[in-house]
């Protein structure tokens, strides 16, 4: 099952961190990786407060044997997504 969004916005820092972590990757790979994680009903995350409307979560996923910290905001209608973070953990291994 594919996860589709009307709009995907990626913050510049998230894109730069992703590019630094996976230099041979493209931004679309980040979108696909997060989309693949979101389709699993047992994904565990922590809700965070951010200024944009919607629900913001932080969670970990693995790509190329690396643990990646991610923070995203889903719009109230769950059709738009903002990617705030996508990098190896900077503040420890727990959310």
C-alpha atoms as a PDB file:
ATOM      1  CA  UNK A   1       0.000   0.000   0.000  1.00  0.00           C
ATOM      2  CA  UNK A   2       1.463   3.358  -0.988  1.00  0.00           C
ATOM      3  CA  UNK A   3       1.174   6.483   1.087  1.00  0.00           C
ATOM      4  CA  UNK A   4       0.355   9.529  -1.030  1.00  0.00           C
ATOM      5  CA  UNK A   5       0.419  13.166  -0.039  1.00  0.00           C
ATOM      6  CA  UNK A   6      -0.803  16.185  -1.980  1.00  0.00           C
ATOM      7  CA  UNK A   7       2.204  18.260  -0.881  1.00  0.00           C
ATOM      8  CA  UNK A   8       5.514  17.335   0.690  1.00  0.00           C
ATOM      9  CA  UNK A   9       7.641  20.130   2.118  1.00  0.00           C
ATOM     10  CA  UNK A  10      11.133  19.460   3.348  1.00  0.00           C
ATOM     11  CA  UNK A  11      12.988  21.912   5.547  1.00  0.00           C
ATOM     12  CA  UNK A  12      16.405  22.878   4.246  1.00  0.00           C
ATOM     13  CA  UNK A  13      18.232  21.442   7.265  1.00  0.00           C
ATOM     14  CA  UNK A  14      16.494  18.079   6.823  1.00  0.00           C
ATOM     15  CA  UNK A  15      17.518  17.983   3.158  1.00  0.00           C
ATOM     16  CA  UNK A  16      21.118  18.956   3.934  1.00  0.00           C
ATOM     17  CA  UNK A  17      21.383  16.395   6.761  1.00  0.00           C
ATOM     18  CA  UNK A  18      19.923  13.683   4.521  1.00  0.00           C
ATOM     19  CA  UNK A  19      22.343  14.563   1.727  1.00  0.00           C
ATOM     20  CA  UNK A  20      25.288  14.480   4.150  1.00  0.00           C
ATOM     21  CA  UNK A  21      24.226  11.110   5.562  1.00  0.00           C
ATOM     22  CA  UNK A  22      23.444   9.541   2.182  1.00  0.00           C
ATOM     23  CA  UNK A  23      25.536  11.462  -0.389  1.00  0.00           C
ATOM     24  CA  UNK A  24      24.528   9.205  -3.287  1.00  0.00           C
ATOM     25  CA  UNK A  25      20.836   9.566  -2.535  1.00  0.00           C
ATOM     26  CA  UNK A  26      18.204  11.988  -3.800  1.00  0.00           C
ATOM     27  CA  UNK A  27      15.542  13.959  -1.924  1.00  0.00           C
ATOM     28  CA  UNK A  28      12.903  11.673  -3.414  1.00  0.00           C
ATOM     29  CA  UNK A  29      14.583   8.770  -1.599  1.00  0.00           C
ATOM     30  CA  UNK A  30      13.871  10.561   1.669  1.00  0.00           C
ATOM     31  CA  UNK A  31      10.202  10.962   0.712  1.00  0.00           C
ATOM     32  CA  UNK A  32       9.959   7.290  -0.212  1.00  0.00           C
ATOM     33  CA  UNK A  33      11.736   6.132   2.951  1.00  0.00           C
ATOM     34  CA  UNK A  34       9.413   8.116   5.220  1.00  0.00           C
ATOM     35  CA  UNK A  35       6.356   7.117   3.194  1.00  0.00           C
ATOM     36  CA  UNK A  36       7.312   3.468   3.534  1.00  0.00           C
ATOM     37  CA  UNK A  37       7.649   3.833   7.308  1.00  0.00           C
ATOM     38  CA  UNK A  38       4.294   5.586   7.664  1.00  0.00           C
ATOM     39  CA  UNK A  39       2.395   2.743   6.033  1.00  0.00           C
ATOM     40  CA  UNK A  40       3.205   0.392   8.938  1.00  0.00           C
ATOM     41  CA  UNK A  41       0.457   0.526  11.581  1.00  0.00           C
ATOM     42  CA  UNK A  42       2.863  -0.456  14.366  1.00  0.00           C
ATOM     43  CA  UNK A  43       5.254   2.454  13.858  1.00  0.00           C
ATOM     44  CA  UNK A  44       6.054   4.054  17.197  1.00  0.00           C
ATOM     45  CA  UNK A  45       6.599   7.756  17.543  1.00  0.00           C
ATOM     46  CA  UNK A  46       6.267  10.592  19.986  1.00  0.00           C
ATOM     47  CA  UNK A  47       3.990  13.577  19.433  1.00  0.00           C
ATOM     48  CA  UNK A  48       5.678  16.980  19.486  1.00  0.00           C
ATOM     49  CA  UNK A  49       4.341  20.519  19.421  1.00  0.00           C
ATOM     50  CA  UNK A  50       5.270  22.670  16.420  1.00  0.00           C
ATOM     51  CA  UNK A  51       3.885  25.934  15.066  1.00  0.00           C
ATOM     52  CA  UNK A  52       2.288  24.547  11.890  1.00  0.00           C
ATOM     53  CA  UNK A  53      -1.234  23.157  12.116  1.00  0.00           C
ATOM     54  CA  UNK A  54      -1.403  19.393  12.211  1.00  0.00           C
ATOM     55  CA  UNK A  55       0.153  16.640  14.258  1.00  0.00           C
ATOM     56  CA  UNK A  56       3.922  16.397  14.570  1.00  0.00           C
ATOM     57  CA  UNK A  57       5.724  13.151  15.351  1.00  0.00           C
ATOM     58  CA  UNK A  58       9.310  12.144  15.858  1.00  0.00           C
ATOM     59  CA  UNK A  59      10.421   8.579  15.249  1.00  0.00           C
ATOM     60  CA  UNK A  60      13.355   6.436  14.186  1.00  0.00           C
ATOM     61  CA  UNK A  61      13.706   4.269  11.121  1.00  0.00           C
ATOM     62  CA  UNK A  62      16.594   2.383   9.548  1.00  0.00           C
ATOM     63  CA  UNK A  63      18.110   2.905   6.121  1.00  0.00           C
ATOM     64  CA  UNK A  64      21.272   1.266   4.833  1.00  0.00           C
ATOM     65  CA  UNK A  65      21.984  -0.119   8.311  1.00  0.00           C
ATOM     66  CA  UNK A  66      21.822   3.372   9.865  1.00  0.00           C
ATOM     67  CA  UNK A  67      19.384   4.579  12.466  1.00  0.00           C
ATOM     68  CA  UNK A  68      17.699   7.801  11.321  1.00  0.00           C
ATOM     69  CA  UNK A  69      15.858  10.291  13.524  1.00  0.00           C
ATOM     70  CA  UNK A  70      12.924  11.902  11.754  1.00  0.00           C
ATOM     71  CA  UNK A  71      10.426  14.576  12.717  1.00  0.00           C
ATOM     72  CA  UNK A  72       7.416  15.211  10.494  1.00  0.00           C
ATOM     73  CA  UNK A  73       4.151  17.144  10.626  1.00  0.00           C
ATOM     74  CA  UNK A  74       0.985  15.702   9.091  1.00  0.00           C
ATOM     75  CA  UNK A  75      -1.611  18.291   8.127  1.00  0.00           C
ATOM     76  CA  UNK A  76      -5.039  18.061   9.803  1.00  0.00           C
ATOM     77  CA  UNK A  77      -6.450  16.300   6.715  1.00  0.00           C
ATOM     78  CA  UNK A  78      -3.339  14.047   6.534  1.00  0.00           C
ATOM     79  CA  UNK A  79      -2.782  15.002   2.887  1.00  0.00           C
ATOM     80  CA  UNK A  80       0.268  17.232   3.398  1.00  0.00           C
ATOM     81  CA  UNK A  81       3.513  16.542   5.186  1.00  0.00           C
ATOM     82  CA  UNK A  82       6.390  18.685   6.407  1.00  0.00           C
ATOM     83  CA  UNK A  83       9.724  16.959   6.992  1.00  0.00           C
ATOM     84  CA  UNK A  84      11.634  18.787   9.718  1.00  0.00           C
ATOM     85  CA  UNK A  85      14.440  16.320  10.435  1.00  0.00           C
ATOM     86  CA  UNK A  86      16.119  13.339   8.807  1.00  0.00           C
ATOM     87  CA  UNK A  87      19.545  12.518  10.251  1.00  0.00           C
ATOM     88  CA  UNK A  88      21.380  10.085  12.531  1.00  0.00           C
ATOM     89  CA  UNK A  89      20.424  10.611  16.186  1.00  0.00           C
ATOM     90  CA  UNK A  90      22.126  13.664  17.705  1.00  0.00           C
ATOM     91  CA  UNK A  91      20.661  13.503  21.213  1.00  0.00           C
ATOM     92  CA  UNK A  92      20.843   9.825  22.042  1.00  0.00           C
ATOM     93  CA  UNK A  93      19.184   6.638  20.944  1.00  0.00           C
ATOM     94  CA  UNK A  94      15.780   7.269  22.559  1.00  0.00           C
ATOM     95  CA  UNK A  95      12.999   9.707  21.718  1.00  0.00           C
END
